[in-house]
Amino acid sequence: MKSLIIILSLLFSLSTLAKKSVNVVVGLSPAGSFEINSSKVKGKAVYKGGQYTAKKVKVSVKSLKTGMDLRDKHLKDKLEMKKHPYIVIDKAVAKGGKGSAIVNIKGMKKKVPFSYKINGKYFVAKFPLKLSDYKFKGINYMGVGVKDKVVITASLPIVK
C-alpha cells in the first residue's frame, strides 16, 4: 500500500508541471487511499538571494475535490469551511531542496518542514502533515479510517 501511495504521489508531481495546484494523498486504514485536489491556488514562489520564499499561499476549502460528492461534503465539514474558508501556507522559506512554512488549517498554525523540487517554471513542495496536529476527530466510516499522516504536494509558479 505504501508503494501505491508513493507511485500516485510521484505521478501527480509529474502532472503538476504546468499549473498551480494542490494534491493531498490520504491513506486509509486498514487499506486503500484517495486524493484531494484543487487547481484554485493563490500565491507564488519568489526566488531571490539564492532562496525561495512564499507568503500567504491560499487554497479555498470550497475548491477541494475528492471525486465523491458525499466525501467532499464531509471533508468541508471537517475543515470547518464556513468558519475557515481557506487553508493558508505562510512564511515559507526554502533552499537546497528543503524548507519550512507555517501551515494554517482550521485556525491552527503549525510550523512544518517540507522538501521541494523545481520543475521548469514551477516550485513543487511536499508537506507531510499529521492530522492530529490540527485536532481532526471522527474521520472514519464503517471500520475504515483516515491515517494520521497525509502528504500535500503544492505547485506554484516561480517569480524572479
N, C-alpha and C. Protein backbone atom coordinates (compact mmCIF):
# COMPACT_ATOMS: atom_id res chain seq x y z
N MET A 1 0.83 -1.19 0.00
CA MET A 1 0.00 0.00 0.00
C MET A 1 0.87 1.26 0.00
N LYS A 2 1.96 1.24 0.81
CA LYS A 2 2.83 2.42 0.84
C LYS A 2 3.41 2.69 -0.53
N SER A 3 3.78 1.62 -1.26
CA SER A 3 4.36 1.84 -2.59
C SER A 3 3.33 2.44 -3.55
N LEU A 4 2.04 2.04 -3.41
CA LEU A 4 1.00 2.62 -4.25
C LEU A 4 0.85 4.12 -3.98
N ILE A 5 0.88 4.51 -2.71
CA ILE A 5 0.77 5.93 -2.36
C ILE A 5 1.96 6.70 -2.91
N ILE A 6 3.15 6.13 -2.82
CA ILE A 6 4.36 6.79 -3.34
C ILE A 6 4.25 6.94 -4.86
N ILE A 7 3.80 5.89 -5.55
CA ILE A 7 3.67 5.95 -7.01
C ILE A 7 2.64 7.01 -7.40
N LEU A 8 1.48 7.03 -6.71
CA LEU A 8 0.46 8.03 -7.01
C LEU A 8 1.00 9.45 -6.79
N SER A 9 1.73 9.61 -5.71
CA SER A 9 2.30 10.92 -5.40
C SER A 9 3.29 11.36 -6.48
N LEU A 10 4.15 10.44 -6.91
CA LEU A 10 5.12 10.77 -7.96
C LEU A 10 4.41 11.10 -9.27
N LEU A 11 3.40 10.32 -9.63
CA LEU A 11 2.66 10.60 -10.85
C LEU A 11 2.00 11.97 -10.80
N PHE A 12 1.45 12.31 -9.64
CA PHE A 12 0.82 13.63 -9.52
C PHE A 12 1.86 14.73 -9.65
N SER A 13 3.02 14.54 -9.05
CA SER A 13 4.07 15.56 -9.14
C SER A 13 4.42 15.83 -10.59
N LEU A 14 4.49 14.79 -11.40
CA LEU A 14 4.81 14.97 -12.82
C LEU A 14 3.68 15.69 -13.55
N SER A 15 2.43 15.49 -13.11
CA SER A 15 1.31 16.11 -13.81
C SER A 15 1.11 17.57 -13.44
N THR A 16 1.81 18.07 -12.43
CA THR A 16 1.60 19.45 -11.99
C THR A 16 2.64 20.42 -12.55
N LEU A 17 3.34 20.01 -13.58
CA LEU A 17 4.42 20.85 -14.10
C LEU A 17 3.93 22.16 -14.70
N ALA A 18 2.70 22.22 -15.18
CA ALA A 18 2.28 23.39 -15.94
C ALA A 18 1.17 24.19 -15.29
N LYS A 19 0.93 24.04 -13.99
CA LYS A 19 -0.16 24.81 -13.39
C LYS A 19 -0.02 24.88 -11.88
N LYS A 20 -0.71 25.86 -11.32
CA LYS A 20 -0.84 25.94 -9.88
C LYS A 20 -1.76 24.81 -9.45
N SER A 21 -1.42 24.12 -8.38
CA SER A 21 -2.29 23.05 -7.93
C SER A 21 -1.89 22.62 -6.53
N VAL A 22 -2.80 21.88 -5.92
CA VAL A 22 -2.52 21.23 -4.65
C VAL A 22 -3.14 19.84 -4.71
N ASN A 23 -2.43 18.87 -4.15
CA ASN A 23 -2.88 17.49 -4.10
C ASN A 23 -2.55 16.95 -2.72
N VAL A 24 -3.49 16.21 -2.15
CA VAL A 24 -3.27 15.57 -0.86
C VAL A 24 -3.52 14.08 -1.02
N VAL A 25 -2.53 13.26 -0.68
CA VAL A 25 -2.71 11.82 -0.70
C VAL A 25 -3.10 11.40 0.71
N VAL A 26 -4.27 10.77 0.82
CA VAL A 26 -4.83 10.38 2.11
C VAL A 26 -4.88 8.85 2.17
N GLY A 27 -4.09 8.27 3.08
CA GLY A 27 -4.11 6.84 3.27
C GLY A 27 -5.26 6.43 4.16
N LEU A 28 -5.82 5.24 3.90
CA LEU A 28 -6.91 4.71 4.70
C LEU A 28 -6.45 3.45 5.43
N SER A 29 -7.07 3.19 6.56
CA SER A 29 -6.76 2.00 7.34
C SER A 29 -8.05 1.21 7.52
N PRO A 30 -8.10 -0.04 7.21
CA PRO A 30 -6.96 -0.94 7.07
C PRO A 30 -6.31 -0.93 5.69
N ALA A 31 -6.98 -0.41 4.64
CA ALA A 31 -6.36 -0.41 3.31
C ALA A 31 -7.00 0.66 2.44
N GLY A 32 -6.25 1.05 1.41
CA GLY A 32 -6.77 1.99 0.42
C GLY A 32 -6.26 3.41 0.60
N SER A 33 -6.69 4.26 -0.29
CA SER A 33 -6.33 5.69 -0.23
C SER A 33 -7.24 6.46 -1.17
N PHE A 34 -7.21 7.76 -1.06
CA PHE A 34 -7.88 8.64 -2.01
C PHE A 34 -7.08 9.93 -2.07
N GLU A 35 -7.42 10.78 -3.04
CA GLU A 35 -6.72 12.05 -3.21
C GLU A 35 -7.70 13.21 -3.11
N ILE A 36 -7.18 14.32 -2.64
CA ILE A 36 -7.91 15.58 -2.60
C ILE A 36 -7.16 16.53 -3.54
N ASN A 37 -7.87 17.18 -4.45
CA ASN A 37 -7.22 18.04 -5.45
C ASN A 37 -7.89 19.40 -5.56
N SER A 38 -7.09 20.39 -5.96
CA SER A 38 -7.60 21.70 -6.31
C SER A 38 -6.59 22.40 -7.21
N SER A 39 -7.11 23.12 -8.19
CA SER A 39 -6.24 23.98 -9.01
C SER A 39 -6.48 25.44 -8.67
N LYS A 40 -7.26 25.69 -7.63
CA LYS A 40 -7.59 27.06 -7.19
C LYS A 40 -6.62 27.50 -6.09
N VAL A 41 -5.36 27.68 -6.47
CA VAL A 41 -4.31 28.07 -5.53
C VAL A 41 -3.92 29.50 -5.82
N LYS A 42 -3.88 30.33 -4.78
CA LYS A 42 -3.45 31.73 -4.93
C LYS A 42 -2.09 31.87 -4.27
N GLY A 43 -1.12 32.33 -5.04
CA GLY A 43 0.21 32.54 -4.48
C GLY A 43 1.29 32.23 -5.48
N LYS A 44 2.53 32.50 -5.07
CA LYS A 44 3.69 32.28 -5.93
C LYS A 44 4.91 32.05 -5.05
N ALA A 45 5.93 31.46 -5.65
CA ALA A 45 7.22 31.30 -5.00
C ALA A 45 8.15 32.36 -5.58
N VAL A 46 8.81 33.10 -4.72
CA VAL A 46 9.71 34.16 -5.15
C VAL A 46 11.14 33.69 -4.96
N TYR A 47 11.94 33.77 -6.03
CA TYR A 47 13.35 33.40 -5.95
C TYR A 47 14.18 34.67 -5.87
N LYS A 48 14.92 34.81 -4.77
CA LYS A 48 15.77 35.98 -4.58
C LYS A 48 16.88 35.63 -3.59
N GLY A 49 18.09 36.04 -3.90
CA GLY A 49 19.20 35.83 -2.98
C GLY A 49 19.51 34.37 -2.71
N GLY A 50 19.27 33.51 -3.70
CA GLY A 50 19.61 32.10 -3.55
C GLY A 50 18.59 31.27 -2.78
N GLN A 51 17.44 31.86 -2.44
CA GLN A 51 16.42 31.09 -1.74
C GLN A 51 15.03 31.41 -2.29
N TYR A 52 14.10 30.54 -1.97
CA TYR A 52 12.71 30.71 -2.37
C TYR A 52 11.89 31.10 -1.15
N THR A 53 10.94 32.01 -1.36
CA THR A 53 10.03 32.39 -0.28
C THR A 53 8.61 32.43 -0.84
N ALA A 54 7.66 32.26 0.05
CA ALA A 54 6.24 32.40 -0.33
C ALA A 54 5.50 32.92 0.89
N LYS A 55 4.58 33.83 0.64
CA LYS A 55 3.75 34.40 1.70
C LYS A 55 2.29 34.24 1.32
N LYS A 56 1.49 33.86 2.27
CA LYS A 56 0.02 33.80 2.11
C LYS A 56 -0.43 33.02 0.87
N VAL A 57 0.08 31.82 0.73
CA VAL A 57 -0.42 30.93 -0.32
C VAL A 57 -1.75 30.37 0.20
N LYS A 58 -2.81 30.57 -0.58
CA LYS A 58 -4.15 30.21 -0.12
C LYS A 58 -4.82 29.20 -1.05
N VAL A 59 -5.51 28.26 -0.44
CA VAL A 59 -6.33 27.30 -1.17
C VAL A 59 -7.73 27.38 -0.59
N SER A 60 -8.71 27.62 -1.42
CA SER A 60 -10.09 27.67 -0.98
C SER A 60 -10.57 26.27 -0.61
N VAL A 61 -11.09 26.12 0.60
CA VAL A 61 -11.62 24.82 1.03
C VAL A 61 -12.75 24.40 0.09
N LYS A 62 -13.53 25.36 -0.36
CA LYS A 62 -14.65 25.08 -1.26
C LYS A 62 -14.18 24.40 -2.55
N SER A 63 -12.96 24.69 -3.00
CA SER A 63 -12.45 24.15 -4.26
C SER A 63 -11.90 22.73 -4.14
N LEU A 64 -11.77 22.19 -2.95
CA LEU A 64 -11.19 20.86 -2.77
C LEU A 64 -12.15 19.78 -3.25
N LYS A 65 -11.64 18.86 -4.05
CA LYS A 65 -12.45 17.77 -4.62
C LYS A 65 -11.76 16.43 -4.40
N THR A 66 -12.59 15.42 -4.05
CA THR A 66 -12.07 14.06 -3.83
C THR A 66 -12.55 13.07 -4.87
N GLY A 67 -13.51 13.46 -5.70
CA GLY A 67 -14.07 12.54 -6.66
C GLY A 67 -15.38 11.92 -6.21
N MET A 68 -15.80 12.22 -4.98
CA MET A 68 -17.08 11.73 -4.45
C MET A 68 -17.78 12.88 -3.73
N ASP A 69 -19.00 13.19 -4.14
CA ASP A 69 -19.73 14.32 -3.57
C ASP A 69 -19.91 14.21 -2.05
N LEU A 70 -20.30 13.03 -1.56
CA LEU A 70 -20.53 12.88 -0.12
C LEU A 70 -19.22 13.05 0.65
N ARG A 71 -18.12 12.49 0.13
CA ARG A 71 -16.82 12.66 0.79
C ARG A 71 -16.39 14.12 0.75
N ASP A 72 -16.69 14.83 -0.35
CA ASP A 72 -16.39 16.27 -0.43
C ASP A 72 -17.12 17.03 0.67
N LYS A 73 -18.39 16.70 0.88
CA LYS A 73 -19.18 17.36 1.92
C LYS A 73 -18.58 17.10 3.29
N HIS A 74 -18.25 15.84 3.57
CA HIS A 74 -17.64 15.50 4.87
C HIS A 74 -16.31 16.22 5.06
N LEU A 75 -15.50 16.29 4.00
CA LEU A 75 -14.20 16.98 4.07
C LEU A 75 -14.40 18.45 4.43
N LYS A 76 -15.33 19.10 3.77
CA LYS A 76 -15.57 20.52 4.03
C LYS A 76 -16.14 20.76 5.42
N ASP A 77 -16.95 19.81 5.90
CA ASP A 77 -17.43 19.90 7.28
C ASP A 77 -16.27 19.76 8.27
N LYS A 78 -15.39 18.79 8.05
CA LYS A 78 -14.25 18.56 8.96
C LYS A 78 -13.27 19.74 8.93
N LEU A 79 -13.16 20.40 7.78
CA LEU A 79 -12.28 21.57 7.67
C LEU A 79 -12.96 22.86 8.14
N GLU A 80 -14.22 22.74 8.58
CA GLU A 80 -14.98 23.87 9.09
C GLU A 80 -14.97 25.03 8.08
N MET A 81 -15.39 24.71 6.86
CA MET A 81 -15.30 25.65 5.74
C MET A 81 -15.98 26.99 6.00
N LYS A 82 -17.13 26.98 6.66
CA LYS A 82 -17.84 28.25 6.88
C LYS A 82 -17.05 29.18 7.81
N LYS A 83 -16.38 28.61 8.79
CA LYS A 83 -15.59 29.41 9.74
C LYS A 83 -14.18 29.69 9.21
N HIS A 84 -13.62 28.73 8.45
CA HIS A 84 -12.25 28.84 7.93
C HIS A 84 -12.27 28.50 6.44
N PRO A 85 -12.58 29.48 5.57
CA PRO A 85 -12.75 29.20 4.14
C PRO A 85 -11.46 28.91 3.37
N TYR A 86 -10.30 29.13 3.99
CA TYR A 86 -9.03 28.90 3.30
C TYR A 86 -8.07 28.09 4.17
N ILE A 87 -7.25 27.29 3.49
CA ILE A 87 -6.05 26.71 4.09
C ILE A 87 -4.93 27.62 3.62
N VAL A 88 -4.07 28.06 4.54
CA VAL A 88 -3.04 29.04 4.20
C VAL A 88 -1.65 28.50 4.55
N ILE A 89 -0.74 28.64 3.60
CA ILE A 89 0.68 28.34 3.83
C ILE A 89 1.38 29.68 3.84
N ASP A 90 2.08 29.98 4.94
CA ASP A 90 2.68 31.30 5.11
C ASP A 90 4.14 31.17 5.55
N LYS A 91 4.87 32.23 5.32
CA LYS A 91 6.26 32.34 5.77
C LYS A 91 7.10 31.13 5.35
N ALA A 92 6.92 30.71 4.10
CA ALA A 92 7.71 29.60 3.57
C ALA A 92 9.07 30.12 3.13
N VAL A 93 10.11 29.43 3.56
CA VAL A 93 11.48 29.75 3.17
C VAL A 93 12.16 28.44 2.81
N ALA A 94 12.83 28.40 1.64
CA ALA A 94 13.43 27.16 1.19
C ALA A 94 14.73 27.39 0.44
N LYS A 95 15.63 26.43 0.61
CA LYS A 95 16.92 26.48 -0.07
C LYS A 95 17.49 25.06 -0.06
N GLY A 96 18.13 24.68 -1.16
CA GLY A 96 18.81 23.38 -1.19
C GLY A 96 17.90 22.17 -1.08
N GLY A 97 16.67 22.29 -1.57
CA GLY A 97 15.76 21.15 -1.56
C GLY A 97 14.92 20.99 -0.31
N LYS A 98 15.16 21.84 0.70
CA LYS A 98 14.40 21.75 1.96
C LYS A 98 13.93 23.13 2.40
N GLY A 99 12.87 23.13 3.20
CA GLY A 99 12.36 24.39 3.71
C GLY A 99 11.41 24.16 4.86
N SER A 100 10.80 25.27 5.31
CA SER A 100 9.77 25.18 6.34
C SER A 100 8.76 26.30 6.10
N ALA A 101 7.54 26.06 6.60
CA ALA A 101 6.47 27.04 6.43
C ALA A 101 5.49 26.90 7.58
N ILE A 102 4.69 27.92 7.77
CA ILE A 102 3.59 27.86 8.73
C ILE A 102 2.35 27.43 7.96
N VAL A 103 1.74 26.32 8.37
CA VAL A 103 0.53 25.81 7.72
C VAL A 103 -0.64 26.07 8.66
N ASN A 104 -1.63 26.81 8.16
CA ASN A 104 -2.79 27.21 8.94
C ASN A 104 -4.02 26.46 8.41
N ILE A 105 -4.50 25.52 9.23
CA ILE A 105 -5.69 24.74 8.91
C ILE A 105 -6.65 24.89 10.09
N LYS A 106 -7.87 25.29 9.81
CA LYS A 106 -8.90 25.48 10.84
C LYS A 106 -8.46 26.46 11.92
N GLY A 107 -7.65 27.45 11.55
CA GLY A 107 -7.21 28.45 12.51
C GLY A 107 -6.05 28.00 13.38
N MET A 108 -5.56 26.78 13.17
CA MET A 108 -4.42 26.26 13.93
C MET A 108 -3.17 26.34 13.07
N LYS A 109 -2.15 27.01 13.59
CA LYS A 109 -0.92 27.22 12.84
C LYS A 109 0.18 26.32 13.38
N LYS A 110 0.84 25.61 12.46
CA LYS A 110 1.95 24.73 12.82
C LYS A 110 3.10 24.96 11.85
N LYS A 111 4.32 24.98 12.39
CA LYS A 111 5.50 25.06 11.53
C LYS A 111 5.77 23.66 10.99
N VAL A 112 5.88 23.55 9.66
CA VAL A 112 6.01 22.26 9.01
C VAL A 112 7.22 22.27 8.08
N PRO A 113 8.10 21.28 8.20
CA PRO A 113 9.21 21.16 7.24
C PRO A 113 8.68 20.59 5.92
N PHE A 114 9.37 20.89 4.83
CA PHE A 114 8.97 20.33 3.54
C PHE A 114 10.20 20.15 2.66
N SER A 115 10.03 19.35 1.62
CA SER A 115 11.06 19.21 0.59
C SER A 115 10.48 19.81 -0.69
N TYR A 116 11.36 20.14 -1.62
CA TYR A 116 10.87 20.72 -2.87
C TYR A 116 11.78 20.37 -4.03
N LYS A 117 11.22 20.50 -5.23
CA LYS A 117 11.96 20.36 -6.48
C LYS A 117 11.50 21.49 -7.39
N ILE A 118 12.36 21.84 -8.33
CA ILE A 118 12.00 22.83 -9.34
C ILE A 118 11.71 22.07 -10.64
N ASN A 119 10.52 22.28 -11.17
CA ASN A 119 10.12 21.65 -12.43
C ASN A 119 9.79 22.76 -13.41
N GLY A 120 10.77 23.12 -14.23
CA GLY A 120 10.58 24.21 -15.19
C GLY A 120 10.38 25.52 -14.46
N LYS A 121 9.23 26.14 -14.64
CA LYS A 121 8.92 27.42 -14.02
C LYS A 121 8.11 27.26 -12.74
N TYR A 122 8.08 26.02 -12.20
CA TYR A 122 7.25 25.75 -11.03
C TYR A 122 8.04 25.21 -9.85
N PHE A 123 7.66 25.67 -8.69
CA PHE A 123 8.18 25.23 -7.40
C PHE A 123 7.19 24.17 -6.89
N VAL A 124 7.65 22.94 -6.70
CA VAL A 124 6.78 21.85 -6.27
C VAL A 124 7.23 21.37 -4.89
N ALA A 125 6.41 21.64 -3.88
CA ALA A 125 6.75 21.32 -2.50
C ALA A 125 5.91 20.16 -1.99
N LYS A 126 6.52 19.34 -1.11
CA LYS A 126 5.81 18.23 -0.46
C LYS A 126 5.85 18.44 1.04
N PHE A 127 4.66 18.52 1.63
CA PHE A 127 4.50 18.73 3.06
C PHE A 127 3.89 17.48 3.70
N PRO A 128 4.61 16.80 4.57
CA PRO A 128 3.96 15.74 5.34
C PRO A 128 3.25 16.38 6.54
N LEU A 129 1.98 16.07 6.73
CA LEU A 129 1.22 16.64 7.85
C LEU A 129 0.63 15.54 8.71
N LYS A 130 0.56 15.81 10.00
CA LYS A 130 -0.15 14.93 10.92
C LYS A 130 -1.51 15.57 11.21
N LEU A 131 -2.58 14.86 10.89
CA LEU A 131 -3.92 15.40 11.10
C LEU A 131 -4.20 15.66 12.57
N SER A 132 -3.60 14.86 13.45
CA SER A 132 -3.81 15.06 14.89
C SER A 132 -3.27 16.41 15.36
N ASP A 133 -2.27 16.96 14.65
CA ASP A 133 -1.76 18.29 15.00
C ASP A 133 -2.82 19.37 14.80
N TYR A 134 -3.82 19.07 13.96
CA TYR A 134 -4.88 20.03 13.67
C TYR A 134 -6.22 19.59 14.28
N LYS A 135 -6.13 18.67 15.23
CA LYS A 135 -7.28 18.22 16.04
C LYS A 135 -8.45 17.68 15.21
N PHE A 136 -8.13 16.91 14.16
CA PHE A 136 -9.18 16.23 13.42
C PHE A 136 -9.64 15.02 14.23
N LYS A 137 -10.96 14.82 14.30
CA LYS A 137 -11.53 13.70 15.05
C LYS A 137 -12.66 13.08 14.24
N GLY A 138 -12.95 11.81 14.53
CA GLY A 138 -14.09 11.15 13.90
C GLY A 138 -13.96 11.01 12.40
N ILE A 139 -12.78 10.68 11.92
CA ILE A 139 -12.59 10.56 10.48
C ILE A 139 -12.50 9.08 10.08
N ASN A 140 -13.63 8.40 10.30
CA ASN A 140 -13.74 7.00 9.90
C ASN A 140 -15.20 6.69 9.58
N TYR A 141 -15.38 5.61 8.82
CA TYR A 141 -16.72 5.21 8.44
C TYR A 141 -16.74 3.70 8.26
N MET A 142 -17.61 3.04 8.98
CA MET A 142 -17.80 1.59 8.89
C MET A 142 -16.47 0.82 8.98
N GLY A 143 -15.64 1.18 9.94
CA GLY A 143 -14.39 0.46 10.16
C GLY A 143 -13.22 0.89 9.31
N VAL A 144 -13.42 1.85 8.41
CA VAL A 144 -12.33 2.36 7.58
C VAL A 144 -12.04 3.78 8.05
N GLY A 145 -10.77 4.02 8.44
CA GLY A 145 -10.41 5.33 8.96
C GLY A 145 -9.29 5.97 8.17
N VAL A 146 -9.19 7.27 8.30
CA VAL A 146 -8.12 8.04 7.67
C VAL A 146 -6.87 7.93 8.54
N LYS A 147 -5.73 7.63 7.90
CA LYS A 147 -4.46 7.58 8.63
C LYS A 147 -4.07 8.99 9.07
N ASP A 148 -3.30 9.07 10.15
CA ASP A 148 -2.94 10.37 10.73
C ASP A 148 -2.02 11.19 9.83
N LYS A 149 -1.18 10.54 9.03
CA LYS A 149 -0.24 11.27 8.19
C LYS A 149 -0.77 11.38 6.76
N VAL A 150 -0.78 12.61 6.22
CA VAL A 150 -1.11 12.85 4.82
C VAL A 150 0.06 13.59 4.19
N VAL A 151 0.15 13.54 2.87
CA VAL A 151 1.21 14.26 2.16
C VAL A 151 0.57 15.23 1.19
N ILE A 152 0.89 16.50 1.36
CA ILE A 152 0.39 17.55 0.48
C ILE A 152 1.48 17.91 -0.52
N THR A 153 1.11 17.96 -1.79
CA THR A 153 2.01 18.42 -2.84
C THR A 153 1.41 19.71 -3.40
N ALA A 154 2.18 20.78 -3.38
CA ALA A 154 1.71 22.07 -3.89
C ALA A 154 2.65 22.56 -4.98
N SER A 155 2.08 23.04 -6.07
CA SER A 155 2.84 23.55 -7.19
C SER A 155 2.52 25.02 -7.39
N LEU A 156 3.57 25.85 -7.39
CA LEU A 156 3.42 27.30 -7.54
C LEU A 156 4.35 27.82 -8.62
N PRO A 157 3.93 28.86 -9.35
CA PRO A 157 4.83 29.46 -10.32
C PRO A 157 5.97 30.20 -9.59
N ILE A 158 7.13 30.22 -10.22
CA ILE A 158 8.29 30.92 -9.65
C ILE A 158 8.39 32.32 -10.28
N VAL A 159 8.59 33.32 -9.43
CA VAL A 159 8.78 34.69 -9.87
C VAL A 159 10.18 35.11 -9.43
N LYS A 160 10.94 35.69 -10.35
CA LYS A 160 12.31 36.12 -10.01
C LYS A 160 12.38 37.62 -9.97
